[in-house]
Amino acid sequence: MRDKHVMQAIASGVWAILPEKLDQILRVVGLHASGRVDLEEIERYAGRERAEPRTVAFEEPGLEAAAGGTMPSNRAVRVIPVHGVLGRRLGMLSAMSGGASTERISAQVREALNDRAIDSIVLDVDSPGGEVYGITELAEIIYQGRSQKRIVAVANSLAASAAYWIATAADEIVISPSGDVGSIGVIAMHSDLSKQDEALGITRTLISAGRFKTEGNDAEPLSESAHEFIQDRVDSVYRDFIDAVARGRGRKGSEVRAQFGEGRIVRAKDAVRRGMADRVDTLENTISRLRTGAGRSRRRRTAATAAPLEQPCATCYGTFAASELTAENLCADCHAAEYVRRTDAEAGSVACESCEQSGCTCGSACSSCSATGFELDDAGRCDGCAEQQAALAAKAATASEPARDENRISVQLEARRLELLS
């Protein structure tokens, strides 16, 4: 009987989830209700343990703690898992899919925001979505938290429907090279079990008070008025979904509806091109990039909003003006991240000019991009920013030539006019 109530709750709810995942959930619940499958077997088959938040701290040499040893850097990153089907409180769903409680995630985000040792938060997202209850509240916590700390969502490898809703509240969305995002849509369903009851010789009589109390029950076909009511609920949640994505991504609602997949999931590079994500990269590379502190104040422009002369970064595929890319076609963030990866790979063969320690990030920050650990020129800029500034200066000089010519012609015409008047 309990399983039947679970099935009714699932069937009568409004979901922001991949349709095939919702169908899978209903099938497994049905099998369990018939005694053909055991939840312990499902858990053993899934073979997954609930992931817990982890903190990745980067220590800076040269800072001595009061009690001796090394003081932790203030660039610690809290990684919060968002795995499986999302719901406010999960029991059977957690067993079937390694589901995640939105209430639990909300508490973990608040804890990280209030922890002074944490500089950045990474949401490690691998979810097909879930029920809509609790999603708006969690997304709001993340969105408001952006004013306190940098929050990055990584689709590792799936951020679909409600999971994408949450991800768009972050400062930045990163998608793994093989990842998918999107499935912006809402779904509800009704199950009519009247024929099944008839075949089993069961007659159900509903006794109620309230005009619409039994509306949408599974003992009879769905009425037209009940269908309209459910559709209104779905449309209302969908509008909230669109508005949340538009706010988080800095786009118009009409653009989200037309360009963000229209309910389909979108692959990594295409997602960046459409503006649904900011870069293509892995979770671990994202954590390493955050340690440089680069790119904290700006969201990448994407091809959907880019000027015609802008070009993609060779690493993250975000779109930038040509003058903002290095000679290797890297944006400032990827340029900084590449430096860190290169020095790590070389076992710290590049020494910091400030403290002469290999692989150190305690040196002076670049005056343009704020990245540390680079050799700086006389103006305090790293190589990449110096190249960008030189390119901008050359572009400005080229652009000023026509203006000088036009000014010279104007002076000549004015002199000729005065000559004729005299």
Protein backbone atom coordinates (compact mmCIF):
# COMPACT_ATOMS: atom_id res chain seq x y z
CA MET A 1 0.00 0.00 0.00
CA ARG A 2 2.88 2.38 0.84
CA ASP A 3 4.39 1.86 -2.62
CA LYS A 4 1.05 2.71 -4.21
CA HIS A 5 1.00 6.01 -2.33
CA VAL A 6 4.57 6.68 -3.51
CA MET A 7 3.52 6.00 -7.12
CA GLN A 8 0.54 8.33 -6.76
CA ALA A 9 2.76 11.07 -5.31
CA ILE A 10 5.21 10.70 -8.20
CA ALA A 11 2.49 10.58 -10.82
CA SER A 12 0.59 13.58 -9.46
CA GLY A 13 3.64 15.79 -8.92
CA VAL A 14 5.17 18.43 -11.17
CA TRP A 15 8.71 17.56 -12.22
CA ALA A 16 11.63 19.28 -13.89
CA ILE A 17 13.42 16.11 -14.96
CA LEU A 18 14.41 14.13 -18.02
CA PRO A 19 11.21 12.29 -19.09
CA GLU A 20 13.01 8.98 -19.48
CA LYS A 21 14.31 9.24 -15.91
CA LEU A 22 10.81 9.84 -14.55
CA ASP A 23 9.58 6.81 -16.49
CA GLN A 24 12.42 4.74 -15.04
CA ILE A 25 11.52 5.81 -11.50
CA LEU A 26 7.89 4.80 -11.97
CA ARG A 27 8.90 1.42 -13.41
CA VAL A 28 11.21 0.61 -10.50
CA VAL A 29 8.61 1.69 -7.93
CA GLY A 30 6.07 -0.52 -9.70
CA LEU A 31 8.43 -3.49 -9.66
CA HIS A 32 9.08 -2.96 -5.97
CA ALA A 33 5.35 -2.77 -5.28
CA SER A 34 4.88 -6.13 -7.01
CA GLY A 35 7.66 -7.68 -4.95
CA ARG A 36 9.79 -8.32 -8.04
CA VAL A 37 12.68 -6.16 -6.91
CA ASP A 38 14.18 -5.30 -3.54
CA LEU A 39 15.58 -1.87 -2.67
CA GLU A 40 18.66 -3.46 -1.11
CA GLU A 41 19.34 -5.12 -4.46
CA ILE A 42 18.94 -1.75 -6.16
CA GLU A 43 21.44 -0.19 -3.79
CA ARG A 44 23.92 -3.02 -4.35
CA TYR A 45 23.40 -2.75 -8.11
CA ALA A 46 23.91 1.01 -8.06
CA GLY A 47 27.13 0.46 -6.13
CA ARG A 48 27.39 4.10 -5.21
CA GLU A 49 28.00 5.75 -1.86
CA ARG A 50 26.54 9.14 -1.05
CA ALA A 51 29.12 11.76 -1.92
CA GLU A 52 29.95 14.27 0.79
CA PRO A 53 31.24 17.85 0.41
CA ARG A 54 35.02 18.15 0.37
CA THR A 55 37.36 21.08 0.83
CA VAL A 56 40.36 21.59 -1.41
CA ALA A 57 42.79 23.97 0.31
CA PHE A 58 45.82 25.49 -1.39
CA GLU A 59 48.66 26.37 0.93
CA GLU A 60 50.93 29.30 0.24
CA PRO A 61 54.55 28.86 1.39
CA GLY A 62 56.09 31.52 3.56
CA LEU A 63 53.07 32.06 5.84
CA GLU A 64 53.81 30.73 9.30
CA ALA A 65 50.95 29.80 11.59
CA ALA A 66 51.03 30.97 15.21
CA ALA A 67 51.57 27.43 16.49
CA GLY A 68 54.11 26.62 13.80
CA GLY A 69 53.71 25.01 10.39
CA THR A 70 51.94 26.45 7.40
CA MET A 71 48.87 28.65 7.52
CA PRO A 72 46.11 27.58 5.08
CA SER A 73 45.52 29.81 2.08
CA ASN A 74 42.26 31.76 1.94
CA ARG A 75 41.68 30.21 -1.48
CA ALA A 76 40.18 27.02 -0.15
CA VAL A 77 37.47 25.60 -2.41
CA ARG A 78 34.42 23.75 -1.05
CA VAL A 79 33.16 21.13 -3.52
CA ILE A 80 29.48 20.26 -2.96
CA PRO A 81 28.05 17.23 -4.81
CA VAL A 82 24.69 17.54 -6.58
CA HIS A 83 24.22 13.96 -7.74
CA GLY A 84 21.16 11.97 -8.79
CA VAL A 85 17.46 12.84 -8.69
CA LEU A 86 16.69 16.04 -6.79
CA GLY A 87 13.96 16.25 -4.15
CA ARG A 88 13.29 17.99 -0.86
CA ARG A 89 13.33 14.78 1.18
CA LEU A 90 14.36 11.50 -0.38
CA GLY A 91 13.84 7.91 0.66
CA MET A 92 13.16 5.39 -2.09
CA LEU A 93 14.36 7.84 -4.76
CA SER A 94 17.71 8.12 -3.03
CA ALA A 95 18.08 4.35 -3.04
CA MET A 96 17.21 4.15 -6.74
CA SER A 97 19.35 6.97 -8.04
CA GLY A 98 21.72 8.17 -5.34
CA GLY A 99 19.38 11.16 -5.14
CA ALA A 100 20.17 14.50 -3.54
CA SER A 101 18.05 16.43 -1.05
CA THR A 102 17.66 20.11 -1.92
CA GLU A 103 17.30 20.86 1.80
CA ARG A 104 20.61 19.14 2.49
CA ILE A 105 22.36 20.95 -0.38
CA SER A 106 20.93 24.27 0.82
CA ALA A 107 22.40 23.68 4.27
CA GLN A 108 25.78 22.75 2.77
CA VAL A 109 25.86 25.92 0.63
CA ARG A 110 24.94 28.11 3.62
CA GLU A 111 27.67 26.45 5.70
CA ALA A 112 30.27 27.13 3.00
CA LEU A 113 29.12 30.75 2.64
CA ASN A 114 29.52 31.29 6.39
CA ASP A 115 32.91 29.55 6.60
CA ARG A 116 35.60 32.26 6.50
CA ALA A 117 38.21 29.70 5.44
CA ILE A 118 36.32 29.03 2.17
CA ASP A 119 36.96 31.40 -0.75
CA SER A 120 35.02 29.65 -3.54
CA ILE A 121 32.25 27.08 -3.88
CA VAL A 122 32.04 24.49 -6.66
CA LEU A 123 28.81 22.61 -7.33
CA ASP A 124 29.72 19.19 -8.75
CA VAL A 125 26.54 18.51 -10.74
CA ASP A 126 25.57 15.14 -12.22
CA SER A 127 21.78 15.04 -12.17
CA PRO A 128 18.81 14.50 -14.52
CA GLY A 129 16.73 16.95 -12.45
CA GLY A 130 13.92 16.10 -10.09
CA GLU A 131 10.80 17.39 -8.40
CA VAL A 132 10.28 21.16 -8.45
CA TYR A 133 9.65 21.54 -4.71
CA GLY A 134 12.70 23.16 -3.12
CA ILE A 135 14.39 24.10 -6.39
CA THR A 136 13.40 27.78 -6.37
CA GLU A 137 14.58 28.15 -2.77
CA LEU A 138 17.94 26.45 -3.41
CA ALA A 139 18.55 28.47 -6.57
CA GLU A 140 17.85 31.69 -4.66
CA ILE A 141 20.36 30.79 -1.94
CA ILE A 142 23.01 30.20 -4.62
CA TYR A 143 22.13 33.37 -6.55
CA GLN A 144 22.25 35.58 -3.45
CA GLY A 145 25.45 33.82 -2.31
CA ARG A 146 27.25 35.13 -5.39
CA SER A 147 27.60 38.48 -3.63
CA GLN A 148 29.57 36.77 -0.82
CA LYS A 149 31.76 34.22 -2.62
CA ARG A 150 32.47 32.96 -6.09
CA ILE A 151 30.18 30.03 -6.95
CA VAL A 152 30.88 27.84 -9.97
CA ALA A 153 28.64 25.02 -11.20
CA VAL A 154 30.33 22.20 -13.11
CA ALA A 155 28.16 19.91 -15.25
CA ASN A 156 30.09 16.75 -14.52
CA SER A 157 28.67 15.37 -16.74
CA LEU A 158 24.91 16.14 -16.68
CA ALA A 159 23.00 19.21 -15.50
CA ALA A 160 19.50 18.63 -16.81
CA SER A 161 16.20 20.33 -16.04
CA ALA A 162 16.00 21.18 -12.30
CA ALA A 163 19.75 20.59 -11.99
CA TYR A 164 20.36 23.12 -14.77
CA TRP A 165 17.92 25.50 -13.04
CA ILE A 166 20.18 25.36 -9.98
CA ALA A 167 23.38 25.66 -12.02
CA THR A 168 22.26 28.88 -13.73
CA ALA A 169 22.14 30.59 -10.34
CA ALA A 170 25.93 30.29 -10.04
CA ASP A 171 28.47 32.89 -11.21
CA GLU A 172 29.70 30.56 -13.91
CA ILE A 173 28.73 27.27 -15.55
CA VAL A 174 31.48 24.90 -16.65
CA ILE A 175 30.63 21.80 -18.66
CA SER A 176 32.86 18.74 -19.00
CA PRO A 177 34.00 17.92 -22.56
CA SER A 178 31.54 15.01 -22.83
CA GLY A 179 28.82 16.70 -20.80
CA ASP A 180 25.21 17.78 -21.43
CA VAL A 181 23.11 20.63 -20.06
CA GLY A 182 19.59 21.92 -20.62
CA SER A 183 16.30 20.00 -20.78
CA ILE A 184 14.53 23.23 -19.83
CA GLY A 185 10.97 22.10 -19.36
CA VAL A 186 8.39 20.84 -16.90
CA ILE A 187 6.43 17.58 -16.93
CA ALA A 188 3.45 16.08 -15.09
CA MET A 189 1.49 12.91 -15.72
CA HIS A 190 -1.75 11.17 -14.80
CA SER A 191 -2.24 7.43 -14.52
CA ASP A 192 -5.72 6.01 -15.19
CA LEU A 193 -5.96 2.65 -13.40
CA SER A 194 -9.70 2.18 -13.89
CA LYS A 195 -9.30 -0.61 -16.48
CA GLN A 196 -6.72 -2.37 -14.33
CA ASP A 197 -9.08 -2.21 -11.35
CA GLU A 198 -11.86 -3.57 -13.52
CA ALA A 199 -9.73 -6.50 -14.65
CA LEU A 200 -8.91 -7.26 -11.01
CA GLY A 201 -12.54 -6.99 -9.96
CA ILE A 202 -11.89 -3.92 -7.83
CA THR A 203 -14.42 -1.12 -7.48
CA ARG A 204 -13.22 2.02 -5.72
CA THR A 205 -15.62 4.57 -4.30
CA LEU A 206 -14.26 7.99 -3.46
CA ILE A 207 -15.98 9.87 -0.64
CA SER A 208 -14.92 13.49 -0.36
CA ALA A 209 -15.80 17.07 0.53
CA GLY A 210 -14.68 19.96 -1.62
CA ARG A 211 -15.57 20.41 -5.27
CA PHE A 212 -12.17 19.44 -6.68
CA LYS A 213 -10.86 17.23 -3.86
CA THR A 214 -10.84 14.03 -5.95
CA GLU A 215 -9.83 15.74 -9.18
CA GLY A 216 -7.14 13.82 -11.04
CA ASN A 217 -7.54 10.58 -9.08
CA ASP A 218 -6.35 7.37 -10.76
CA ALA A 219 -9.68 5.53 -10.43
CA GLU A 220 -11.10 7.25 -13.50
CA PRO A 221 -9.97 8.95 -16.72
CA LEU A 222 -8.68 12.50 -16.39
CA SER A 223 -11.43 15.07 -16.86
CA GLU A 224 -11.02 18.08 -19.14
CA SER A 225 -11.13 20.53 -16.24
CA ALA A 226 -8.52 18.52 -14.31
CA HIS A 227 -6.30 18.45 -17.40
CA GLU A 228 -6.55 22.23 -17.72
CA PHE A 229 -5.70 22.69 -14.03
CA ILE A 230 -2.61 20.48 -14.25
CA GLN A 231 -1.53 22.22 -17.46
CA ASP A 232 -1.84 25.60 -15.71
CA ARG A 233 0.44 24.35 -12.93
CA VAL A 234 2.98 23.08 -15.44
CA ASP A 235 2.91 26.38 -17.36
CA SER A 236 3.35 28.38 -14.16
CA VAL A 237 6.41 26.40 -13.07
CA TYR A 238 7.80 26.61 -16.61
CA ARG A 239 7.55 30.41 -16.51
CA ASP A 240 9.43 30.42 -13.20
CA PHE A 241 12.06 28.14 -14.75
CA ILE A 242 12.53 30.42 -17.77
CA ASP A 243 12.71 33.55 -15.60
CA ALA A 244 15.32 31.97 -13.33
CA VAL A 245 17.52 30.90 -16.24
CA ALA A 246 17.18 34.31 -17.90
CA ARG A 247 18.21 36.09 -14.70
CA GLY A 248 21.11 33.77 -13.99
CA ARG A 249 22.47 33.82 -17.54
CA GLY A 250 21.79 37.49 -18.19
CA ARG A 251 19.49 36.82 -21.13
CA LYS A 252 15.93 37.64 -22.16
CA GLY A 253 13.22 35.09 -21.48
CA SER A 254 12.41 34.91 -25.19
CA GLU A 255 16.04 34.04 -25.92
CA VAL A 256 16.04 31.26 -23.34
CA ARG A 257 12.85 29.80 -24.83
CA ALA A 258 14.13 29.91 -28.42
CA GLN A 259 17.88 29.29 -28.12
CA PHE A 260 18.44 27.09 -25.07
CA GLY A 261 17.32 23.76 -26.54
CA GLU A 262 13.53 24.05 -26.18
CA GLY A 263 13.42 21.12 -23.76
CA ARG A 264 16.31 19.16 -25.28
CA ILE A 265 19.72 18.58 -23.74
CA VAL A 266 22.66 20.28 -25.46
CA ARG A 267 26.25 19.05 -25.83
CA ALA A 268 29.26 20.87 -24.39
CA LYS A 269 30.61 23.06 -27.20
CA ASP A 270 27.14 23.84 -28.53
CA ALA A 271 26.03 24.82 -25.03
CA VAL A 272 28.84 27.37 -24.78
CA ARG A 273 28.04 28.68 -28.26
CA ARG A 274 24.38 29.18 -27.29
CA GLY A 275 25.28 30.88 -24.01
CA MET A 276 24.00 28.04 -21.81
CA ALA A 277 27.48 27.53 -20.30
CA ASP A 278 30.64 29.63 -20.04
CA ARG A 279 33.46 27.19 -20.77
CA VAL A 280 34.33 23.56 -21.46
CA ASP A 281 36.63 22.08 -18.81
CA THR A 282 36.90 19.34 -16.20
CA LEU A 283 36.04 19.55 -12.51
CA GLU A 284 39.64 19.26 -11.34
CA ASN A 285 40.88 21.87 -13.82
CA THR A 286 38.16 24.21 -12.59
CA ILE A 287 39.30 23.77 -9.00
CA SER A 288 42.90 24.45 -10.05
CA ARG A 289 41.83 27.57 -11.95
CA LEU A 290 40.05 28.97 -8.90
CA ARG A 291 43.31 28.88 -6.98
CA THR A 292 44.70 31.57 -9.32
CA GLY A 293 41.84 33.94 -8.50
CA ALA A 294 41.52 34.83 -12.18
CA GLY A 295 38.32 35.94 -13.86
CA ARG A 296 36.44 36.73 -10.65
CA SER A 297 34.57 39.81 -11.84
CA ARG A 298 33.25 39.04 -15.31
CA ARG A 299 31.04 36.50 -17.03
CA ARG A 300 32.17 35.35 -20.43
CA ARG A 301 30.39 36.63 -23.48
CA THR A 302 29.15 33.90 -25.72
CA ALA A 303 28.72 33.53 -29.46
CA ALA A 304 25.01 34.24 -29.12
CA THR A 305 25.75 37.78 -27.87
CA ALA A 306 29.19 38.32 -29.37
CA ALA A 307 30.18 40.93 -31.92
CA PRO A 308 30.98 39.55 -35.40
CA LEU A 309 34.75 40.08 -35.00
CA GLU A 310 34.98 38.10 -31.76
CA GLN A 311 36.73 34.73 -31.63
CA PRO A 312 36.53 31.64 -29.38
CA CYS A 313 39.13 30.82 -26.75
CA ALA A 314 41.00 27.66 -27.79
CA THR A 315 40.43 26.06 -24.38
CA CYS A 316 37.06 27.09 -22.93
CA TYR A 317 35.32 28.09 -26.22
CA GLY A 318 33.99 31.28 -24.63
CA THR A 319 33.89 34.11 -27.18
CA PHE A 320 36.09 37.21 -26.85
CA ALA A 321 37.33 40.14 -28.91
CA ALA A 322 40.51 39.21 -30.76
CA SER A 323 42.44 41.76 -28.70
CA GLU A 324 41.48 39.91 -25.50
CA LEU A 325 43.15 36.66 -26.61
CA THR A 326 46.83 35.76 -26.35
CA ALA A 327 48.91 34.62 -29.32
CA GLU A 328 47.81 31.05 -28.46
CA ASN A 329 44.14 32.14 -28.64
CA LEU A 330 43.67 31.83 -24.87
CA CYS A 331 41.52 34.14 -22.77
CA ALA A 332 42.96 35.62 -19.57
CA ASP A 333 41.45 32.92 -17.33
CA CYS A 334 42.69 30.02 -19.47
CA HIS A 335 46.05 31.73 -19.86
CA ALA A 336 46.36 31.84 -16.06
CA ALA A 337 45.12 28.25 -15.64
CA GLU A 338 47.53 27.01 -18.29
CA TYR A 339 50.40 28.63 -16.45
CA VAL A 340 49.45 26.85 -13.23
CA ARG A 341 49.08 23.49 -15.00
CA ARG A 342 52.40 23.98 -16.78
CA THR A 343 54.34 24.85 -13.65
CA ASP A 344 52.76 21.94 -11.77
CA ALA A 345 53.64 19.54 -14.58
CA GLU A 346 57.22 20.78 -14.60
CA ALA A 347 57.44 20.08 -10.86
CA GLY A 348 57.87 23.76 -10.11
CA SER A 349 60.75 24.49 -12.48
CA VAL A 350 59.64 28.15 -12.80
CA ALA A 351 60.62 30.23 -9.79
CA CYS A 352 58.62 33.13 -8.43
CA GLU A 353 60.58 36.40 -8.67
CA SER A 354 59.18 37.60 -5.33
CA CYS A 355 60.17 34.71 -3.05
CA GLU A 356 62.27 32.55 -5.40
CA GLN A 357 60.11 29.51 -4.56
CA SER A 358 59.26 27.12 -7.42
CA GLY A 359 55.57 27.02 -8.40
CA CYS A 360 54.71 29.73 -5.91
CA THR A 361 51.52 31.79 -6.24
CA CYS A 362 52.38 34.35 -3.57
CA GLY A 363 53.98 36.83 -5.97
CA SER A 364 52.54 40.18 -6.90
CA ALA A 365 49.29 40.09 -8.85
CA CYS A 366 49.08 41.16 -12.48
CA SER A 367 47.70 44.71 -12.58
CA SER A 368 45.25 43.73 -15.35
CA CYS A 369 43.93 40.21 -14.67
CA SER A 370 44.92 39.88 -10.93
CA ALA A 371 46.53 36.47 -11.54
CA THR A 372 49.61 35.69 -9.42
CA GLY A 373 52.71 33.60 -10.02
CA PHE A 374 53.69 35.27 -13.31
CA GLU A 375 56.80 37.23 -14.23
CA LEU A 376 55.57 40.82 -14.57
CA ASP A 377 56.79 43.57 -16.91
CA ASP A 378 57.68 47.11 -15.79
CA ALA A 379 53.98 48.02 -15.84
CA GLY A 380 53.11 45.12 -13.52
CA ARG A 381 51.44 43.01 -16.24
CA CYS A 382 51.84 39.31 -17.05
CA ASP A 383 52.90 38.24 -20.54
CA GLY A 384 49.33 37.58 -21.71
CA CYS A 385 48.00 40.94 -20.56
CA ALA A 386 51.03 42.74 -21.98
CA GLU A 387 50.33 41.13 -25.36
CA GLN A 388 46.66 42.14 -25.13
CA GLN A 389 47.59 45.73 -24.28
CA ALA A 390 50.02 45.89 -27.19
CA ALA A 391 47.33 44.57 -29.54
CA LEU A 392 44.86 47.17 -28.27
CA ALA A 393 47.40 49.95 -28.75
CA ALA A 394 48.11 48.80 -32.31
CA LYS A 395 44.37 48.61 -33.03
CA ALA A 396 43.82 52.11 -31.62
CA ALA A 397 46.66 53.50 -33.70
CA THR A 398 45.23 51.92 -36.84
CA ALA A 399 41.74 53.18 -36.07
CA SER A 400 43.01 56.74 -35.51
CA GLU A 401 44.52 57.10 -39.00
CA PRO A 402 41.18 57.73 -40.78
CA ALA A 403 40.24 60.20 -38.06
CA ARG A 404 43.46 62.17 -38.59
CA ASP A 405 42.94 62.19 -42.34
CA GLU A 406 39.38 63.43 -41.93
CA ASN A 407 40.54 66.19 -39.59
CA ARG A 408 43.26 67.28 -42.02
CA ILE A 409 40.77 67.49 -44.89
CA SER A 410 38.36 69.53 -42.76
CA VAL A 411 41.11 72.06 -41.94
CA GLN A 412 42.02 72.37 -45.63
CA LEU A 413 38.40 72.95 -46.64
CA GLU A 414 37.94 75.60 -43.96
CA ALA A 415 41.11 77.40 -45.11
CA ARG A 416 39.90 77.36 -48.70
CA ARG A 417 36.48 78.74 -47.64
CA LEU A 418 38.11 81.67 -45.79
CA GLU A 419 40.33 82.33 -48.80
CA LEU A 420 37.31 82.60 -51.10
CA LEU A 421 35.46 84.90 -48.70
CA SER A 422 38.40 87.29 -48.55
